[in-house]
């Protein structure tokens, strides 16, 4: 998943499937999204709100993680 496709309206499961490195961001923030059955139904914004995390901060961290792997892999 390219970093711009990670946005507030993206489904959490789609973000994790397209960019597995994003799972570490959820874990680091102590979010249970990687193991949650609701991850297929909620957006990044909804997940952030349920953990009282600023949506833009979460999106920034997700995009940074994806970009770092892409840069390392030369994609």
PDB file of N, CA and C in Angstrom:
ATOM      1  N   UNK A   1       0.865  -1.172   0.000  1.00  0.00           N
ATOM      2  CA  UNK A   1       0.000   0.000   0.000  1.00  0.00           C
ATOM      3  C   UNK A   1       0.902   1.222   0.000  1.00  0.00           C
ATOM      4  N   UNK A   2       0.604   2.142  -0.860  1.00  0.00           N
ATOM      5  CA  UNK A   2       1.409   3.356  -0.853  1.00  0.00           C
ATOM      6  C   UNK A   2       0.950   4.241   0.299  1.00  0.00           C
ATOM      7  N   UNK A   3       1.860   5.002   0.814  1.00  0.00           N
ATOM      8  CA  UNK A   3       1.581   5.834   1.972  1.00  0.00           C
ATOM      9  C   UNK A   3       0.362   6.738   1.802  1.00  0.00           C
ATOM     10  N   UNK A   4       0.144   7.376   0.629  1.00  0.00           N
ATOM     11  CA  UNK A   4      -1.031   8.239   0.502  1.00  0.00           C
ATOM     12  C   UNK A   4      -2.360   7.498   0.644  1.00  0.00           C
ATOM     13  N   UNK A   5      -2.381   6.176   0.414  1.00  0.00           N
ATOM     14  CA  UNK A   5      -3.621   5.425   0.546  1.00  0.00           C
ATOM     15  C   UNK A   5      -3.968   5.135   1.998  1.00  0.00           C
ATOM     16  N   UNK A   6      -3.047   5.406   2.875  1.00  0.00           N
ATOM     17  CA  UNK A   6      -3.343   5.295   4.301  1.00  0.00           C
ATOM     18  C   UNK A   6      -3.953   6.619   4.707  1.00  0.00           C
ATOM     19  N   UNK A   7      -5.241   6.572   4.978  1.00  0.00           N
ATOM     20  CA  UNK A   7      -5.947   7.791   5.360  1.00  0.00           C
ATOM     21  C   UNK A   7      -7.009   7.452   6.399  1.00  0.00           C
ATOM     22  N   UNK A   8      -7.695   8.445   6.866  1.00  0.00           N
ATOM     23  CA  UNK A   8      -8.676   8.276   7.932  1.00  0.00           C
ATOM     24  C   UNK A   8      -9.793   7.314   7.549  1.00  0.00           C
ATOM     25  N   UNK A   9     -10.120   7.232   6.264  1.00  0.00           N
ATOM     26  CA  UNK A   9     -11.225   6.394   5.818  1.00  0.00           C
ATOM     27  C   UNK A   9     -10.805   4.984   5.414  1.00  0.00           C
ATOM     28  N   UNK A  10      -9.517   4.691   5.464  1.00  0.00           N
ATOM     29  CA  UNK A  10      -9.035   3.358   5.097  1.00  0.00           C
ATOM     30  C   UNK A  10      -9.458   2.351   6.161  1.00  0.00           C
ATOM     31  N   UNK A  11      -9.835   1.157   5.713  1.00  0.00           N
ATOM     32  CA  UNK A  11     -10.195   0.084   6.634  1.00  0.00           C
ATOM     33  C   UNK A  11      -8.907  -0.474   7.248  1.00  0.00           C
ATOM     34  N   UNK A  12      -8.922  -0.654   8.540  1.00  0.00           N
ATOM     35  CA  UNK A  12      -7.725  -1.081   9.270  1.00  0.00           C
ATOM     36  C   UNK A  12      -7.156  -2.380   8.688  1.00  0.00           C
ATOM     37  N   UNK A  13      -7.977  -3.374   8.436  1.00  0.00           N
ATOM     38  CA  UNK A  13      -7.496  -4.653   7.906  1.00  0.00           C
ATOM     39  C   UNK A  13      -6.823  -4.446   6.551  1.00  0.00           C
ATOM     40  N   UNK A  14      -7.365  -3.583   5.716  1.00  0.00           N
ATOM     41  CA  UNK A  14      -6.774  -3.316   4.399  1.00  0.00           C
ATOM     42  C   UNK A  14      -5.395  -2.680   4.554  1.00  0.00           C
ATOM     43  N   UNK A  15      -5.252  -1.806   5.525  1.00  0.00           N
ATOM     44  CA  UNK A  15      -3.958  -1.172   5.781  1.00  0.00           C
ATOM     45  C   UNK A  15      -2.939  -2.232   6.204  1.00  0.00           C
ATOM     46  N   UNK A  16      -3.340  -3.118   7.112  1.00  0.00           N
ATOM     47  CA  UNK A  16      -2.417  -4.147   7.591  1.00  0.00           C
ATOM     48  C   UNK A  16      -2.089  -5.167   6.504  1.00  0.00           C
ATOM     49  N   UNK A  17      -3.078  -5.519   5.693  1.00  0.00           N
ATOM     50  CA  UNK A  17      -2.836  -6.492   4.621  1.00  0.00           C
ATOM     51  C   UNK A  17      -1.907  -5.934   3.548  1.00  0.00           C
ATOM     52  N   UNK A  18      -2.115  -4.678   3.204  1.00  0.00           N
ATOM     53  CA  UNK A  18      -1.325  -4.071   2.135  1.00  0.00           C
ATOM     54  C   UNK A  18       0.065  -3.650   2.605  1.00  0.00           C
ATOM     55  N   UNK A  19       0.187  -3.330   3.860  1.00  0.00           N
ATOM     56  CA  UNK A  19       1.479  -2.908   4.408  1.00  0.00           C
ATOM     57  C   UNK A  19       1.706  -3.553   5.760  1.00  0.00           C
ATOM     58  N   UNK A  20       2.163  -4.808   5.759  1.00  0.00           N
ATOM     59  CA  UNK A  20       2.335  -5.530   7.032  1.00  0.00           C
ATOM     60  C   UNK A  20       3.186  -4.786   8.065  1.00  0.00           C
ATOM     61  N   UNK A  21       4.075  -3.918   7.595  1.00  0.00           N
ATOM     62  CA  UNK A  21       4.883  -3.150   8.545  1.00  0.00           C
ATOM     63  C   UNK A  21       4.029  -2.231   9.412  1.00  0.00           C
ATOM     64  N   UNK A  22       2.806  -1.944   8.968  1.00  0.00           N
ATOM     65  CA  UNK A  22       1.907  -1.100   9.755  1.00  0.00           C
ATOM     66  C   UNK A  22       1.455  -1.797  11.038  1.00  0.00           C
ATOM     67  N   UNK A  23       1.518  -3.116  11.068  1.00  0.00           N
ATOM     68  CA  UNK A  23       1.123  -3.853  12.269  1.00  0.00           C
ATOM     69  C   UNK A  23       1.967  -3.413  13.456  1.00  0.00           C
ATOM     70  N   UNK A  24       3.237  -3.188  13.229  1.00  0.00           N
ATOM     71  CA  UNK A  24       4.121  -2.752  14.318  1.00  0.00           C
ATOM     72  C   UNK A  24       3.692  -1.419  14.906  1.00  0.00           C
ATOM     73  N   UNK A  25       3.139  -0.562  14.065  1.00  0.00           N
ATOM     74  CA  UNK A  25       2.674   0.739  14.554  1.00  0.00           C
ATOM     75  C   UNK A  25       1.513   0.537  15.523  1.00  0.00           C
ATOM     76  N   UNK A  26       0.567  -0.321  15.158  1.00  0.00           N
ATOM     77  CA  UNK A  26      -0.562  -0.595  16.052  1.00  0.00           C
ATOM     78  C   UNK A  26      -0.073  -1.199  17.368  1.00  0.00           C
ATOM     79  N   UNK A  27       0.843  -2.146  17.280  1.00  0.00           N
ATOM     80  CA  UNK A  27       1.363  -2.799  18.481  1.00  0.00           C
ATOM     81  C   UNK A  27       2.121  -1.806  19.354  1.00  0.00           C
ATOM     82  N   UNK A  28       2.973  -0.996  18.731  1.00  0.00           N
ATOM     83  CA  UNK A  28       3.751  -0.011  19.484  1.00  0.00           C
ATOM     84  C   UNK A  28       2.830   0.964  20.226  1.00  0.00           C
ATOM     85  N   UNK A  29       1.684   1.261  19.628  1.00  0.00           N
ATOM     86  CA  UNK A  29       0.731   2.179  20.267  1.00  0.00           C
ATOM     87  C   UNK A  29      -0.238   1.438  21.198  1.00  0.00           C
ATOM     88  N   UNK A  30       0.025   0.146  21.391  1.00  0.00           N
ATOM     89  CA  UNK A  30      -0.783  -0.697  22.280  1.00  0.00           C
ATOM     90  C   UNK A  30      -2.234  -0.809  21.826  1.00  0.00           C
ATOM     91  N   UNK A  31      -2.404  -0.811  20.514  1.00  0.00           N
ATOM     92  CA  UNK A  31      -3.725  -0.999  19.912  1.00  0.00           C
ATOM     93  C   UNK A  31      -3.865  -2.483  19.573  1.00  0.00           C
ATOM     94  N   UNK A  32      -5.014  -3.036  19.775  1.00  0.00           N
ATOM     95  CA  UNK A  32      -5.232  -4.462  19.557  1.00  0.00           C
ATOM     96  C   UNK A  32      -5.726  -4.775  18.151  1.00  0.00           C
ATOM     97  N   UNK A  33      -5.632  -3.830  17.264  1.00  0.00           N
ATOM     98  CA  UNK A  33      -6.139  -3.981  15.890  1.00  0.00           C
ATOM     99  C   UNK A  33      -5.635  -5.235  15.179  1.00  0.00           C
ATOM    100  N   UNK A  34      -4.364  -5.611  15.294  1.00  0.00           N
ATOM    101  CA  UNK A  34      -3.906  -6.792  14.566  1.00  0.00           C
ATOM    102  C   UNK A  34      -4.663  -8.075  14.910  1.00  0.00           C
ATOM    103  N   UNK A  35      -5.184  -8.200  16.103  1.00  0.00           N
ATOM    104  CA  UNK A  35      -5.908  -9.407  16.479  1.00  0.00           C
ATOM    105  C   UNK A  35      -7.406  -9.227  16.607  1.00  0.00           C
ATOM    106  N   UNK A  36      -7.889  -8.067  16.258  1.00  0.00           N
ATOM    107  CA  UNK A  36      -9.300  -7.741  16.470  1.00  0.00           C
ATOM    108  C   UNK A  36     -10.161  -8.118  15.262  1.00  0.00           C
ATOM    109  N   UNK A  37     -11.286  -8.773  15.526  1.00  0.00           N
ATOM    110  CA  UNK A  37     -12.190  -9.140  14.435  1.00  0.00           C
ATOM    111  C   UNK A  37     -12.824  -7.903  13.801  1.00  0.00           C
ATOM    112  N   UNK A  38     -12.881  -6.813  14.525  1.00  0.00           N
ATOM    113  CA  UNK A  38     -13.493  -5.588  13.992  1.00  0.00           C
ATOM    114  C   UNK A  38     -12.583  -4.859  13.010  1.00  0.00           C
ATOM    115  N   UNK A  39     -11.322  -5.264  12.899  1.00  0.00           N
ATOM    116  CA  UNK A  39     -10.394  -4.564  12.012  1.00  0.00           C
ATOM    117  C   UNK A  39     -10.833  -4.608  10.555  1.00  0.00           C
ATOM    118  N   UNK A  40     -11.681  -5.553  10.202  1.00  0.00           N
ATOM    119  CA  UNK A  40     -12.193  -5.632   8.829  1.00  0.00           C
ATOM    120  C   UNK A  40     -13.347  -4.664   8.578  1.00  0.00           C
ATOM    121  N   UNK A  41     -13.806  -4.023   9.634  1.00  0.00           N
ATOM    122  CA  UNK A  41     -14.998  -3.193   9.511  1.00  0.00           C
ATOM    123  C   UNK A  41     -14.796  -1.734   9.904  1.00  0.00           C
ATOM    124  N   UNK A  42     -13.734  -1.441  10.657  1.00  0.00           N
ATOM    125  CA  UNK A  42     -13.575  -0.069  11.126  1.00  0.00           C
ATOM    126  C   UNK A  42     -12.476   0.659  10.361  1.00  0.00           C
ATOM    127  N   UNK A  43     -12.613   1.953  10.339  1.00  0.00           N
ATOM    128  CA  UNK A  43     -11.630   2.787   9.656  1.00  0.00           C
ATOM    129  C   UNK A  43     -10.487   3.135  10.607  1.00  0.00           C
ATOM    130  N   UNK A  44      -9.447   3.647  10.033  1.00  0.00           N
ATOM    131  CA  UNK A  44      -8.307   4.102  10.824  1.00  0.00           C
ATOM    132  C   UNK A  44      -8.761   5.176  11.812  1.00  0.00           C
ATOM    133  N   UNK A  45      -9.616   6.074  11.362  1.00  0.00           N
ATOM    134  CA  UNK A  45     -10.115   7.143  12.236  1.00  0.00           C
ATOM    135  C   UNK A  45     -10.923   6.569  13.398  1.00  0.00           C
ATOM    136  N   UNK A  46     -11.748   5.578  13.135  1.00  0.00           N
ATOM    137  CA  UNK A  46     -12.549   4.968  14.198  1.00  0.00           C
ATOM    138  C   UNK A  46     -11.664   4.224  15.197  1.00  0.00           C
ATOM    139  N   UNK A  47     -10.650   3.538  14.692  1.00  0.00           N
ATOM    140  CA  UNK A  47      -9.720   2.833  15.583  1.00  0.00           C
ATOM    141  C   UNK A  47      -8.967   3.832  16.451  1.00  0.00           C
ATOM    142  N   UNK A  48      -8.496   4.893  15.840  1.00  0.00           N
ATOM    143  CA  UNK A  48      -7.773   5.918  16.599  1.00  0.00           C
ATOM    144  C   UNK A  48      -8.669   6.499  17.693  1.00  0.00           C
ATOM    145  N   UNK A  49      -9.895   6.809  17.344  1.00  0.00           N
ATOM    146  CA  UNK A  49     -10.821   7.381  18.323  1.00  0.00           C
ATOM    147  C   UNK A  49     -11.089   6.422  19.474  1.00  0.00           C
ATOM    148  N   UNK A  50     -11.189   5.137  19.172  1.00  0.00           N
ATOM    149  CA  UNK A  50     -11.487   4.178  20.236  1.00  0.00           C
ATOM    150  C   UNK A  50     -10.328   4.020  21.222  1.00  0.00           C
ATOM    151  N   UNK A  51      -9.126   4.424  20.812  1.00  0.00           N
ATOM    152  CA  UNK A  51      -7.964   4.384  21.693  1.00  0.00           C
ATOM    153  C   UNK A  51      -7.527   5.780  22.132  1.00  0.00           C
ATOM    154  N   UNK A  52      -8.347   6.778  21.858  1.00  0.00           N
ATOM    155  CA  UNK A  52      -8.059   8.171  22.217  1.00  0.00           C
ATOM    156  C   UNK A  52      -6.704   8.621  21.667  1.00  0.00           C
ATOM    157  N   UNK A  53      -6.470   8.263  20.413  1.00  0.00           N
ATOM    158  CA  UNK A  53      -5.247   8.642  19.705  1.00  0.00           C
ATOM    159  C   UNK A  53      -5.644   9.621  18.602  1.00  0.00           C
ATOM    160  N   UNK A  54      -4.831  10.627  18.397  1.00  0.00           N
ATOM    161  CA  UNK A  54      -5.086  11.571  17.310  1.00  0.00           C
ATOM    162  C   UNK A  54      -4.969  10.831  15.974  1.00  0.00           C
ATOM    163  N   UNK A  55      -5.981  10.930  15.149  1.00  0.00           N
ATOM    164  CA  UNK A  55      -6.005  10.232  13.862  1.00  0.00           C
ATOM    165  C   UNK A  55      -4.809  10.602  13.005  1.00  0.00           C
ATOM    166  N   UNK A  56      -4.501  11.883  12.913  1.00  0.00           N
ATOM    167  CA  UNK A  56      -3.392  12.326  12.069  1.00  0.00           C
ATOM    168  C   UNK A  56      -2.048  11.796  12.565  1.00  0.00           C
ATOM    169  N   UNK A  57      -1.906  11.648  13.875  1.00  0.00           N
ATOM    170  CA  UNK A  57      -0.665  11.079  14.416  1.00  0.00           C
ATOM    171  C   UNK A  57      -0.517   9.617  14.015  1.00  0.00           C
ATOM    172  N   UNK A  58      -1.615   8.865  14.097  1.00  0.00           N
ATOM    173  CA  UNK A  58      -1.590   7.461  13.711  1.00  0.00           C
ATOM    174  C   UNK A  58      -1.301   7.322  12.220  1.00  0.00           C
ATOM    175  N   UNK A  59      -1.958   8.132  11.406  1.00  0.00           N
ATOM    176  CA  UNK A  59      -1.734   8.092   9.960  1.00  0.00           C
ATOM    177  C   UNK A  59      -0.276   8.431   9.644  1.00  0.00           C
ATOM    178  N   UNK A  60       0.255   9.421  10.295  1.00  0.00           N
ATOM    179  CA  UNK A  60       1.657   9.801  10.077  1.00  0.00           C
ATOM    180  C   UNK A  60       2.583   8.630  10.382  1.00  0.00           C
ATOM    181  N   UNK A  61       2.362   7.986  11.520  1.00  0.00           N
ATOM    182  CA  UNK A  61       3.206   6.845  11.893  1.00  0.00           C
ATOM    183  C   UNK A  61       3.072   5.696  10.896  1.00  0.00           C
ATOM    184  N   UNK A  62       1.853   5.448  10.442  1.00  0.00           N
ATOM    185  CA  UNK A  62       1.624   4.381   9.458  1.00  0.00           C
ATOM    186  C   UNK A  62       2.348   4.701   8.152  1.00  0.00           C
ATOM    187  N   UNK A  63       2.181   5.908   7.671  1.00  0.00           N
ATOM    188  CA  UNK A  63       2.834   6.308   6.413  1.00  0.00           C
ATOM    189  C   UNK A  63       4.355   6.247   6.528  1.00  0.00           C
ATOM    190  N   UNK A  64       4.871   6.669   7.668  1.00  0.00           N
ATOM    191  CA  UNK A  64       6.316   6.635   7.884  1.00  0.00           C
ATOM    192  C   UNK A  64       6.825   5.207   7.855  1.00  0.00           C
ATOM    193  N   UNK A  65       6.122   4.275   8.475  1.00  0.00           N
ATOM    194  CA  UNK A  65       6.528   2.876   8.495  1.00  0.00           C
ATOM    195  C   UNK A  65       6.529   2.290   7.083  1.00  0.00           C
ATOM    196  N   UNK A  66       5.495   2.571   6.312  1.00  0.00           N
ATOM    197  CA  UNK A  66       5.405   2.063   4.936  1.00  0.00           C
ATOM    198  C   UNK A  66       6.510   2.664   4.078  1.00  0.00           C
ATOM    199  N   UNK A  67       6.723   3.966   4.211  1.00  0.00           N
ATOM    200  CA  UNK A  67       7.762   4.640   3.412  1.00  0.00           C
ATOM    201  C   UNK A  67       9.148   4.128   3.762  1.00  0.00           C
ATOM    202  N   UNK A  68       9.415   3.839   5.009  1.00  0.00           N
ATOM    203  CA  UNK A  68      10.722   3.349   5.415  1.00  0.00           C
ATOM    204  C   UNK A  68      11.026   1.995   4.785  1.00  0.00           C
ATOM    205  N   UNK A  69      10.042   1.129   4.752  1.00  0.00           N
ATOM    206  CA  UNK A  69      10.239  -0.184   4.145  1.00  0.00           C
ATOM    207  C   UNK A  69      10.401  -0.050   2.642  1.00  0.00           C
ATOM    208  N   UNK A  70       9.597   0.813   2.032  1.00  0.00           N
ATOM    209  CA  UNK A  70       9.709   1.031   0.579  1.00  0.00           C
ATOM    210  C   UNK A  70      11.084   1.581   0.235  1.00  0.00           C
ATOM    211  N   UNK A  71      11.596   2.508   1.025  1.00  0.00           N
ATOM    212  CA  UNK A  71      12.912   3.081   0.763  1.00  0.00           C
ATOM    213  C   UNK A  71      14.010   2.030   0.947  1.00  0.00           C
ATOM    214  N   UNK A  72      13.869   1.221   1.961  1.00  0.00           N
ATOM    215  CA  UNK A  72      14.863   0.178   2.215  1.00  0.00           C
ATOM    216  C   UNK A  72      14.861  -0.871   1.112  1.00  0.00           C
ATOM    217  N   UNK A  73      13.668  -1.213   0.621  1.00  0.00           N
ATOM    218  CA  UNK A  73      13.542  -2.235  -0.424  1.00  0.00           C
ATOM    219  C   UNK A  73      13.732  -1.669  -1.825  1.00  0.00           C
ATOM    220  N   UNK A  74      13.822  -0.362  -1.933  1.00  0.00           N
ATOM    221  CA  UNK A  74      14.009   0.278  -3.225  1.00  0.00           C
ATOM    222  C   UNK A  74      12.763   0.319  -4.077  1.00  0.00           C
ATOM    223  N   UNK A  75      11.577   0.225  -3.433  1.00  0.00           N
ATOM    224  CA  UNK A  75      10.318   0.251  -4.189  1.00  0.00           C
ATOM    225  C   UNK A  75       9.865   1.658  -4.459  1.00  0.00           C
TER     226      UNK A  75
END
